[in-house]
């Protein structure tokens, strides 16, 4: 699957899905310092750097450790929430649910606007990590931060069980 630049003839929805997938493909494994997507597109430098630093933290970093890495980018994430989505999806793909949860917690604590995609990415991280209780807890707390769960949210939480 390639990004929208690689598939110029793709219809709108398919092109958007492909672009989203492509941007989320950042690092093939924890030891690979590659900051390109699957089709070779360069990720924004801040996103690639902070993602690699988050991956290097391991499985259970503290919120303070996470904050120290992402604090510079938090303002950018308010303006460009997709950057946070890319980071959270990548953490889910690397099966780092605790890191993803800490990133989301820092975002909420620092009043960075979170959206459905951010929460779904963290629920998916819990799903991939086999952690059903935090997945259901996050699902039930979404309305508290004015994020309404959708079918993807519910399916990911159920799949974690």
Foldseek 3Di string as FASTA:
>chain_A
DAACVVVVPDDDVVNVVRNLQQLLQAAPALVGLGGGGPVGHHDPPLLSVLLNLLSVCDQADDLVSNCVSCVVVLVVCLVVVSSLLSSLLNCLVRLRLNSLVSSVVVSVVVVRDDEQSSLLSSLSSLLSNLNLVVLVVSQVCCVVSPYHHDPSSVVSSVSSD
